[in-house]
Amino acid sequence: MEILVKAGGLFNIALVIFHLSFWRLFNWRDELKSISFLNSAIMQVLNISLTLVFAIFACISFVHTEELLSTPLGNSLLALMALFWLARSIQQIIFFGLRPPLSRMFLLIFITGFALYAIPAITVLRSAD
């Protein structure tokens, strides 16, 4: 289970890198000029905040692996991180659909994030019974 949690940490680091590249990848310097100042600011703030969440998930996964697997608070965090990725998977379907191949790829990525945290969370819950 430790390997899955640490893989979850690597998974989140990859997403930190990906989200930090949004300005370049999506040409936000120019593209965000076409929407209102408020909406542009909201998109950027949400992206930066989400990037911080991924960094926090990664830090917790690497630094507190044992606690995630052996304490009630850790177990709750595992379940909540799994829930985050499950919710993101569902949002992928709702907002992007499943037709575009890239959307299906991202859905698979988010389901992977879900599994990396859900499997240890479920295993820990079962072993507590």
C-alpha atoms as a PDB file:
ATOM      1  CA  MET A   1       0.000   0.000   0.000  1.00  0.00           C
ATOM      2  CA  GLU A   2       2.936   2.333   0.633  1.00  0.00           C
ATOM      3  CA  ILE A   3       3.937   2.032  -3.020  1.00  0.00           C
ATOM      4  CA  LEU A   4       0.453   3.113  -4.144  1.00  0.00           C
ATOM      5  CA  VAL A   5       0.457   6.124  -1.805  1.00  0.00           C
ATOM      6  CA  LYS A   6       3.916   7.212  -2.980  1.00  0.00           C
ATOM      7  CA  ALA A   7       2.836   6.658  -6.600  1.00  0.00           C
ATOM      8  CA  GLY A   8      -0.070   8.969  -5.759  1.00  0.00           C
ATOM      9  CA  GLY A   9       2.510  11.531  -4.661  1.00  0.00           C
ATOM     10  CA  LEU A  10       4.295  11.262  -8.015  1.00  0.00           C
ATOM     11  CA  PHE A  11       0.940  11.460  -9.786  1.00  0.00           C
ATOM     12  CA  ASN A  12       0.185  14.745  -8.021  1.00  0.00           C
ATOM     13  CA  ILE A  13       3.644  16.165  -8.773  1.00  0.00           C
ATOM     14  CA  ALA A  14       3.015  15.476 -12.465  1.00  0.00           C
ATOM     15  CA  LEU A  15      -0.226  17.442 -12.187  1.00  0.00           C
ATOM     16  CA  VAL A  16       1.566  20.323 -10.444  1.00  0.00           C
ATOM     17  CA  ILE A  17       3.931  20.526 -13.413  1.00  0.00           C
ATOM     18  CA  PHE A  18       1.069  20.245 -15.904  1.00  0.00           C
ATOM     19  CA  HIS A  19      -1.005  22.971 -14.224  1.00  0.00           C
ATOM     20  CA  LEU A  20       1.962  25.326 -13.927  1.00  0.00           C
ATOM     21  CA  SER A  21       2.356  25.072 -17.690  1.00  0.00           C
ATOM     22  CA  PHE A  22      -1.247  26.153 -18.454  1.00  0.00           C
ATOM     23  CA  TRP A  23      -0.215  29.721 -19.269  1.00  0.00           C
ATOM     24  CA  ARG A  24       2.105  28.464 -22.008  1.00  0.00           C
ATOM     25  CA  LEU A  25       0.122  25.402 -23.154  1.00  0.00           C
ATOM     26  CA  PHE A  26      -3.158  27.244 -23.551  1.00  0.00           C
ATOM     27  CA  ASN A  27      -1.674  30.634 -24.476  1.00  0.00           C
ATOM     28  CA  TRP A  28      -3.456  32.214 -21.539  1.00  0.00           C
ATOM     29  CA  ARG A  29      -1.630  35.536 -21.994  1.00  0.00           C
ATOM     30  CA  ASP A  30      -3.657  36.080 -25.177  1.00  0.00           C
ATOM     31  CA  GLU A  31      -6.632  33.749 -24.749  1.00  0.00           C
ATOM     32  CA  LEU A  32      -7.746  35.126 -21.391  1.00  0.00           C
ATOM     33  CA  LYS A  33      -7.963  38.637 -22.872  1.00  0.00           C
ATOM     34  CA  SER A  34     -11.112  37.519 -24.706  1.00  0.00           C
ATOM     35  CA  ILE A  35     -13.053  37.048 -21.464  1.00  0.00           C
ATOM     36  CA  SER A  36     -13.820  39.526 -18.717  1.00  0.00           C
ATOM     37  CA  PHE A  37     -11.114  40.584 -16.289  1.00  0.00           C
ATOM     38  CA  LEU A  38     -13.045  38.889 -13.475  1.00  0.00           C
ATOM     39  CA  ASN A  39     -13.406  35.551 -15.285  1.00  0.00           C
ATOM     40  CA  SER A  40      -9.743  35.653 -16.325  1.00  0.00           C
ATOM     41  CA  ALA A  41      -8.679  36.282 -12.753  1.00  0.00           C
ATOM     42  CA  ILE A  42     -10.961  33.529 -11.428  1.00  0.00           C
ATOM     43  CA  MET A  43      -9.528  30.972 -13.887  1.00  0.00           C
ATOM     44  CA  GLN A  44      -5.964  31.811 -12.918  1.00  0.00           C
ATOM     45  CA  VAL A  45      -6.634  31.878  -9.176  1.00  0.00           C
ATOM     46  CA  LEU A  46      -8.474  28.550  -9.354  1.00  0.00           C
ATOM     47  CA  ASN A  47      -5.619  27.016 -11.335  1.00  0.00           C
ATOM     48  CA  ILE A  48      -2.991  28.255  -8.860  1.00  0.00           C
ATOM     49  CA  SER A  49      -5.108  27.067  -5.912  1.00  0.00           C
ATOM     50  CA  LEU A  50      -5.642  23.663  -7.498  1.00  0.00           C
ATOM     51  CA  THR A  51      -1.910  23.406  -8.160  1.00  0.00           C
ATOM     52  CA  LEU A  52      -1.318  24.038  -4.453  1.00  0.00           C
ATOM     53  CA  VAL A  53      -3.818  21.282  -3.578  1.00  0.00           C
ATOM     54  CA  PHE A  54      -1.857  18.850  -5.767  1.00  0.00           C
ATOM     55  CA  ALA A  55       1.393  19.907  -4.076  1.00  0.00           C
ATOM     56  CA  ILE A  56      -0.230  19.348  -0.664  1.00  0.00           C
ATOM     57  CA  PHE A  57      -1.493  15.894  -1.740  1.00  0.00           C
ATOM     58  CA  ALA A  58       2.025  15.031  -2.937  1.00  0.00           C
ATOM     59  CA  CYS A  59       3.657  16.253   0.273  1.00  0.00           C
ATOM     60  CA  ILE A  60       1.231  14.320   2.462  1.00  0.00           C
ATOM     61  CA  SER A  61       1.726  11.214   0.315  1.00  0.00           C
ATOM     62  CA  PHE A  62       5.524  11.295   0.613  1.00  0.00           C
ATOM     63  CA  VAL A  63       6.055  12.676   4.111  1.00  0.00           C
ATOM     64  CA  HIS A  64       3.145  11.031   5.929  1.00  0.00           C
ATOM     65  CA  THR A  65       2.776   7.716   4.112  1.00  0.00           C
ATOM     66  CA  GLU A  66       2.780   5.655   7.303  1.00  0.00           C
ATOM     67  CA  GLU A  67       0.282   7.928   9.039  1.00  0.00           C
ATOM     68  CA  LEU A  68      -2.048   7.780   6.026  1.00  0.00           C
ATOM     69  CA  LEU A  69      -2.078   4.006   6.329  1.00  0.00           C
ATOM     70  CA  SER A  70      -2.180   3.649  10.108  1.00  0.00           C
ATOM     71  CA  THR A  71      -4.178   6.460  11.729  1.00  0.00           C
ATOM     72  CA  PRO A  72      -7.850   7.427  11.578  1.00  0.00           C
ATOM     73  CA  LEU A  73      -6.964  10.912  10.321  1.00  0.00           C
ATOM     74  CA  GLY A  74      -4.679   9.406   7.688  1.00  0.00           C
ATOM     75  CA  ASN A  75      -7.390   6.986   6.612  1.00  0.00           C
ATOM     76  CA  SER A  76      -9.810   9.889   6.249  1.00  0.00           C
ATOM     77  CA  LEU A  77      -7.311  11.815   4.134  1.00  0.00           C
ATOM     78  CA  LEU A  78      -6.782   8.790   1.868  1.00  0.00           C
ATOM     79  CA  ALA A  79     -10.533   8.471   1.371  1.00  0.00           C
ATOM     80  CA  LEU A  80     -10.923  12.209   0.746  1.00  0.00           C
ATOM     81  CA  MET A  81      -8.085  12.282  -1.798  1.00  0.00           C
ATOM     82  CA  ALA A  82      -9.720   9.313  -3.547  1.00  0.00           C
ATOM     83  CA  LEU A  83     -13.046  11.154  -3.477  1.00  0.00           C
ATOM     84  CA  PHE A  84     -11.388  14.229  -5.006  1.00  0.00           C
ATOM     85  CA  TRP A  85     -10.152  12.170  -7.981  1.00  0.00           C
ATOM     86  CA  LEU A  86     -13.480  10.367  -8.332  1.00  0.00           C
ATOM     87  CA  ALA A  87     -15.261  13.733  -8.441  1.00  0.00           C
ATOM     88  CA  ARG A  88     -12.762  15.002 -11.027  1.00  0.00           C
ATOM     89  CA  SER A  89     -13.414  11.880 -13.118  1.00  0.00           C
ATOM     90  CA  ILE A  90     -17.153  12.547 -13.059  1.00  0.00           C
ATOM     91  CA  GLN A  91     -16.590  16.209 -13.953  1.00  0.00           C
ATOM     92  CA  GLN A  92     -14.522  15.112 -16.946  1.00  0.00           C
ATOM     93  CA  ILE A  93     -17.512  13.218 -18.328  1.00  0.00           C
ATOM     94  CA  ILE A  94     -20.016  15.998 -17.573  1.00  0.00           C
ATOM     95  CA  PHE A  95     -18.020  18.934 -18.930  1.00  0.00           C
ATOM     96  CA  PHE A  96     -15.893  17.389 -21.689  1.00  0.00           C
ATOM     97  CA  GLY A  97     -17.879  14.316 -22.726  1.00  0.00           C
ATOM     98  CA  LEU A  98     -16.372  11.024 -23.804  1.00  0.00           C
ATOM     99  CA  ARG A  99     -16.213  11.514 -27.570  1.00  0.00           C
ATOM    100  CA  PRO A 100     -12.859  13.282 -27.859  1.00  0.00           C
ATOM    101  CA  PRO A 101      -9.998  10.784 -27.442  1.00  0.00           C
ATOM    102  CA  LEU A 102      -8.119  13.327 -25.311  1.00  0.00           C
ATOM    103  CA  SER A 103     -11.084  13.496 -22.936  1.00  0.00           C
ATOM    104  CA  ARG A 104     -11.073   9.707 -22.567  1.00  0.00           C
ATOM    105  CA  MET A 105      -7.328   9.833 -21.871  1.00  0.00           C
ATOM    106  CA  PHE A 106      -7.836  12.423 -19.132  1.00  0.00           C
ATOM    107  CA  LEU A 107     -10.682  10.354 -17.677  1.00  0.00           C
ATOM    108  CA  LEU A 108      -8.308   7.391 -17.443  1.00  0.00           C
ATOM    109  CA  ILE A 109      -5.705   9.612 -15.769  1.00  0.00           C
ATOM    110  CA  PHE A 110      -8.209  10.821 -13.164  1.00  0.00           C
ATOM    111  CA  ILE A 111      -9.504   7.298 -12.509  1.00  0.00           C
ATOM    112  CA  THR A 112      -5.873   6.304 -11.941  1.00  0.00           C
ATOM    113  CA  GLY A 113      -5.609   9.037  -9.296  1.00  0.00           C
ATOM    114  CA  PHE A 114      -8.783   7.687  -7.709  1.00  0.00           C
ATOM    115  CA  ALA A 115      -7.415   4.130  -7.649  1.00  0.00           C
ATOM    116  CA  LEU A 116      -4.039   5.169  -6.211  1.00  0.00           C
ATOM    117  CA  TYR A 117      -5.794   6.469  -3.101  1.00  0.00           C
ATOM    118  CA  ALA A 118      -8.982   4.375  -3.022  1.00  0.00           C
ATOM    119  CA  ILE A 119      -7.216   1.000  -2.987  1.00  0.00           C
ATOM    120  CA  PRO A 120      -5.161   1.815   0.135  1.00  0.00           C
ATOM    121  CA  ALA A 121      -8.184   3.506   1.766  1.00  0.00           C
ATOM    122  CA  ILE A 122     -10.401   0.462   1.197  1.00  0.00           C
ATOM    123  CA  THR A 123      -7.635  -1.943   2.243  1.00  0.00           C
ATOM    124  CA  VAL A 124      -7.065  -0.033   5.476  1.00  0.00           C
ATOM    125  CA  LEU A 125     -10.797   0.020   6.225  1.00  0.00           C
ATOM    126  CA  ARG A 126     -11.103  -3.723   5.613  1.00  0.00           C
ATOM    127  CA  SER A 127      -8.126  -4.539   7.815  1.00  0.00           C
ATOM    128  CA  ALA A 128      -9.628  -2.470  10.649  1.00  0.00           C
ATOM    129  CA  ASP A 129     -12.724  -4.715  10.743  1.00  0.00           C
END
